[in-house]
Structure formats: C-alpha cells, structure tokens
Amino acid sequence: MRLFAAVLPPEHVVQELAAEVAKLKRLPGSERLRWTNRPGWHFTLAFYGEVADDVVPDLSDRLARAAHRTAPFALALSGGGQFGHGKALWTGAYGEVEALRRLADRAESAARKAGVPMGEHRRYKAHLTVARGRDGVGPRPYVDALAEFTSSTWTVGELVLVRSNLPRSGVAGEQPRYEVVGRWPLRGDS
C-alpha cells in the first residue's frame, strides 16, 4: 500500500484555509491550477511510497515509539510559497516548526529501521500543498496573496499514518483519496 506519515490540521484550521483558498480561486487564471481538496490537506512528514503489507506492523510500532518520544507542540498555517517553478503552491507552518522537523526526522527514521527504502535524506521543509500548477501558470499572485495568511494556532497531538489511494477512473482532475490507517498520540517531552 502507498503510505505516508503526516500531521493533520484540525477542522477549524481547515475551514480557515478553505476560506483563504476560496479567495485565491477568485484570482485571474486560477482555473488553470489543480486545487487540492480539503481531505487532502496535511503536512507530510515522511513519504514511504509502496510499503509491503508485512512491513506495516513494524513500521506502525516504530511510529508509535516516535510519537511517544515527541511532546505535543503548537503550530499554525502561515504564508505561502512554491516548489518546482510554480508546480506546487503551498502554505507553510508557524510556531514550533523545529518540533515538526524533529517529528518528521523520527518518522523517516522509523521507516528506515522498519526496512522501508527512503532514498537520500533531505532537510524537512514544512508545507501543506493547496494547488499544483501547469506549464505557463505563474504562481506569484497566489504566493503574494498567501503572504499575509496565518491560521489559528492548534496543538499538534498526534502522528498519523495515511494510505494514499491514487485515482483510477481516468477522469481529469480526480484527486487521490486518503485513508488514515494509524494514529498515535504525542506524549514525550521533546
């Protein structure tokens, strides 16, 4: 199954982001972007790709330990940016971002120890993707519009393992479906 570890914002923060995205969709050219759906809004901590079913229990145990070693922390959505010459438009994180980075490192380490091939380690960049661009769509107006955005702060209290079910219908614009397959409360002191 195709898996990733994530932090999910609470519903009230999702609603705030939805209101901001509604404003972005009123900007000229917004119909040329592929906007992510609300169920897809998350901070990916570590992307695992296809994981064999027999590896999932060990990965889950290791993620539980990573969550147990991590204390809850405060986070908000804030600002915006782009990756890949405008291919991804995102909002970032504000607050205890270093705690989010540590949790991401622990989620990656859990996978490596469980035998999930992770490729080369990269420094974690906290982002929540709100749209994907196509060639010729300039992201600058959207990044500028997100510059002043900051959501309510919430306390991140859990690490989530998510299954990504890719679109199979062939219908243009169909989004992946996400299914939570594990949740672990944050309990540590760092």
Protein backbone atom coordinates (compact mmCIF):
# COMPACT_ATOMS: atom_id res chain seq x y z
CA MET A 1 0.00 0.00 0.00
CA ARG A 2 1.10 3.59 -0.70
CA LEU A 3 1.76 5.28 2.67
CA PHE A 4 3.00 8.46 4.28
CA ALA A 5 3.28 9.85 7.83
CA ALA A 6 1.52 13.15 8.43
CA VAL A 7 0.21 15.82 10.74
CA LEU A 8 -3.42 16.73 10.03
CA PRO A 9 -4.73 20.19 10.90
CA PRO A 10 -7.97 20.27 12.92
CA GLU A 11 -11.28 21.11 11.27
CA HIS A 12 -11.40 24.74 12.42
CA VAL A 13 -7.99 25.37 10.80
CA VAL A 14 -9.09 23.53 7.66
CA GLN A 15 -12.10 25.86 7.49
CA GLU A 16 -9.83 28.91 7.79
CA LEU A 17 -7.62 27.60 4.98
CA ALA A 18 -10.70 26.82 2.87
CA ALA A 19 -11.79 30.45 3.18
CA GLU A 20 -8.32 31.61 2.10
CA VAL A 21 -8.25 29.19 -0.84
CA ALA A 22 -11.69 30.46 -1.92
CA LYS A 23 -10.13 33.94 -2.21
CA LEU A 24 -7.23 32.54 -4.24
CA LYS A 25 -9.66 30.85 -6.62
CA ARG A 26 -11.10 34.27 -7.46
CA LEU A 27 -7.74 35.46 -8.85
CA PRO A 28 -7.36 35.55 -12.65
CA GLY A 29 -6.10 32.28 -14.09
CA SER A 30 -6.96 30.19 -11.04
CA GLU A 31 -8.96 27.76 -13.17
CA ARG A 32 -5.67 26.64 -14.70
CA LEU A 33 -4.44 25.31 -11.35
CA ARG A 34 -5.34 21.91 -9.90
CA TRP A 35 -6.56 22.72 -6.40
CA THR A 36 -6.15 20.09 -3.72
CA ASN A 37 -9.28 19.04 -1.86
CA ARG A 38 -9.85 19.62 1.84
CA PRO A 39 -9.48 15.93 2.74
CA GLY A 40 -6.02 16.12 1.17
CA TRP A 41 -4.68 18.94 3.34
CA HIS A 42 -1.88 17.68 5.55
CA PHE A 43 1.77 18.17 6.43
CA THR A 44 3.59 15.16 5.02
CA LEU A 45 6.30 14.18 7.49
CA ALA A 46 7.76 11.28 5.52
CA PHE A 47 6.59 9.77 2.23
CA TYR A 48 7.07 5.99 2.16
CA GLY A 49 5.66 5.07 -1.24
CA GLU A 50 4.60 1.46 -1.73
CA VAL A 51 5.06 -0.48 1.51
CA ALA A 52 4.58 -4.26 1.66
CA ASP A 53 1.72 -5.35 3.93
CA ASP A 54 4.08 -7.43 6.08
CA VAL A 55 6.23 -4.35 6.84
CA VAL A 56 3.31 -2.19 8.06
CA PRO A 57 3.14 -3.69 11.61
CA ASP A 58 6.84 -2.97 12.29
CA LEU A 59 6.54 0.50 10.74
CA SER A 60 3.47 1.16 12.91
CA ASP A 61 5.29 0.04 16.07
CA ARG A 62 8.21 2.33 15.26
CA LEU A 63 5.91 5.28 14.52
CA ALA A 64 4.18 4.68 17.85
CA ARG A 65 7.58 4.93 19.57
CA ALA A 66 8.42 8.11 17.61
CA ALA A 67 5.13 9.67 18.74
CA HIS A 68 5.71 8.55 22.33
CA ARG A 69 9.08 10.39 22.35
CA THR A 70 7.57 13.62 20.94
CA ALA A 71 5.75 16.20 23.06
CA PRO A 72 2.66 17.95 21.72
CA PHE A 73 3.53 21.28 20.12
CA ALA A 74 1.87 24.45 18.84
CA LEU A 75 1.51 25.05 15.11
CA ALA A 76 -0.34 27.34 12.71
CA LEU A 77 -0.55 27.60 8.94
CA SER A 78 1.22 30.69 7.68
CA GLY A 79 2.32 32.38 4.48
CA GLY A 80 2.90 30.66 1.20
CA GLY A 81 5.46 29.57 -1.32
CA GLN A 82 6.13 27.45 -4.35
CA PHE A 83 8.20 24.46 -5.36
CA GLY A 84 9.40 23.39 -8.77
CA HIS A 85 8.99 26.63 -10.74
CA GLY A 86 5.40 27.00 -9.64
CA LYS A 87 4.44 23.35 -9.88
CA ALA A 88 3.27 23.30 -6.24
CA LEU A 89 1.64 26.16 -4.34
CA TRP A 90 1.71 25.73 -0.58
CA THR A 91 1.11 27.33 2.78
CA GLY A 92 3.76 26.90 5.42
CA ALA A 93 3.97 26.41 9.17
CA TYR A 94 4.40 28.87 12.00
CA GLY A 95 5.08 28.14 15.65
CA GLU A 96 7.11 25.21 16.93
CA VAL A 97 8.41 24.32 13.46
CA GLU A 98 11.55 22.73 14.89
CA ALA A 99 9.37 20.24 16.79
CA LEU A 100 7.62 19.44 13.50
CA ARG A 101 11.04 18.86 11.88
CA ARG A 102 12.07 16.52 14.70
CA LEU A 103 8.85 14.55 14.27
CA ALA A 104 9.49 14.34 10.52
CA ASP A 105 13.03 13.06 11.17
CA ARG A 106 11.65 10.46 13.59
CA ALA A 107 9.02 9.36 11.06
CA GLU A 108 11.73 8.93 8.43
CA SER A 109 13.98 7.07 10.86
CA ALA A 110 11.11 4.75 11.83
CA ALA A 111 10.71 3.78 8.19
CA ARG A 112 14.42 3.16 7.64
CA LYS A 113 14.56 0.93 10.73
CA ALA A 114 11.49 -0.97 9.51
CA GLY A 115 13.24 -1.61 6.19
CA VAL A 116 11.36 0.90 4.03
CA PRO A 117 13.74 2.33 1.40
CA MET A 118 13.78 6.09 1.88
CA GLY A 119 16.38 7.32 -0.58
CA GLU A 120 18.56 10.30 0.25
CA HIS A 121 17.70 12.29 3.38
CA ARG A 122 16.68 15.91 2.75
CA ARG A 123 16.13 18.64 5.32
CA TYR A 124 12.42 18.81 6.07
CA LYS A 125 10.51 21.81 4.66
CA ALA A 126 7.10 22.15 6.32
CA HIS A 127 4.42 22.80 3.72
CA LEU A 128 0.80 21.98 3.01
CA THR A 129 0.07 21.85 -0.74
CA VAL A 130 -3.02 23.78 -1.81
CA ALA A 131 -2.62 23.63 -5.61
CA ARG A 132 -0.48 22.26 -8.37
CA GLY A 133 0.44 24.34 -11.39
CA ARG A 134 0.64 23.60 -15.03
CA ASP A 135 3.10 24.99 -17.53
CA GLY A 136 2.54 28.68 -18.12
CA VAL A 137 0.72 29.38 -14.83
CA GLY A 138 2.64 31.99 -12.85
CA PRO A 139 2.35 31.33 -9.12
CA ARG A 140 3.48 34.78 -7.93
CA PRO A 141 -0.02 36.31 -7.44
CA TYR A 142 -1.05 33.30 -5.32
CA VAL A 143 2.15 33.32 -3.25
CA ASP A 144 1.72 37.06 -2.71
CA ALA A 145 -1.91 36.60 -1.66
CA LEU A 146 -0.92 33.92 0.87
CA ALA A 147 1.82 36.12 2.37
CA GLU A 148 -0.50 37.64 4.98
CA PHE A 149 -2.36 34.42 5.81
CA THR A 150 -1.98 32.93 9.28
CA SER A 151 -4.44 30.44 10.73
CA SER A 152 -5.38 29.89 14.32
CA THR A 153 -2.78 28.04 16.35
CA TRP A 154 -3.54 24.49 17.41
CA THR A 155 -1.72 21.89 19.45
CA VAL A 156 -0.42 19.02 17.35
CA GLY A 157 -1.26 15.98 19.43
CA GLU A 158 -0.84 13.00 17.13
CA LEU A 159 1.19 11.38 14.39
CA VAL A 160 -0.89 9.81 11.63
CA LEU A 161 -0.11 7.08 9.09
CA VAL A 162 -2.09 7.66 5.89
CA ARG A 163 -2.79 5.44 2.90
CA SER A 164 -2.97 7.26 -0.41
CA ASN A 165 -5.35 5.69 -2.92
CA LEU A 166 -4.43 7.06 -6.32
CA PRO A 167 -7.12 7.94 -8.86
CA ARG A 168 -8.06 5.06 -11.13
CA SER A 169 -11.03 6.38 -13.09
CA GLY A 170 -9.01 8.37 -15.61
CA VAL A 171 -11.31 11.34 -15.06
CA ALA A 172 -9.37 14.59 -15.37
CA GLY A 173 -8.95 16.37 -12.06
CA GLU A 174 -9.76 13.34 -9.90
CA GLN A 175 -7.93 13.57 -6.57
CA PRO A 176 -6.26 10.83 -4.53
CA ARG A 177 -8.33 9.52 -1.63
CA TYR A 178 -6.69 9.43 1.78
CA GLU A 179 -7.40 6.87 4.48
CA VAL A 180 -5.96 7.04 7.99
CA VAL A 181 -4.58 3.61 8.90
CA GLY A 182 -2.91 4.52 12.22
CA ARG A 183 -2.91 7.27 14.84
CA TRP A 184 -0.54 7.69 17.76
CA PRO A 185 -0.73 10.39 20.44
CA LEU A 186 2.29 12.57 21.09
CA ARG A 187 3.42 12.02 24.67
CA GLY A 188 7.10 12.86 25.10
CA ASP A 189 8.95 15.81 26.46
CA SER A 190 10.93 16.76 23.34
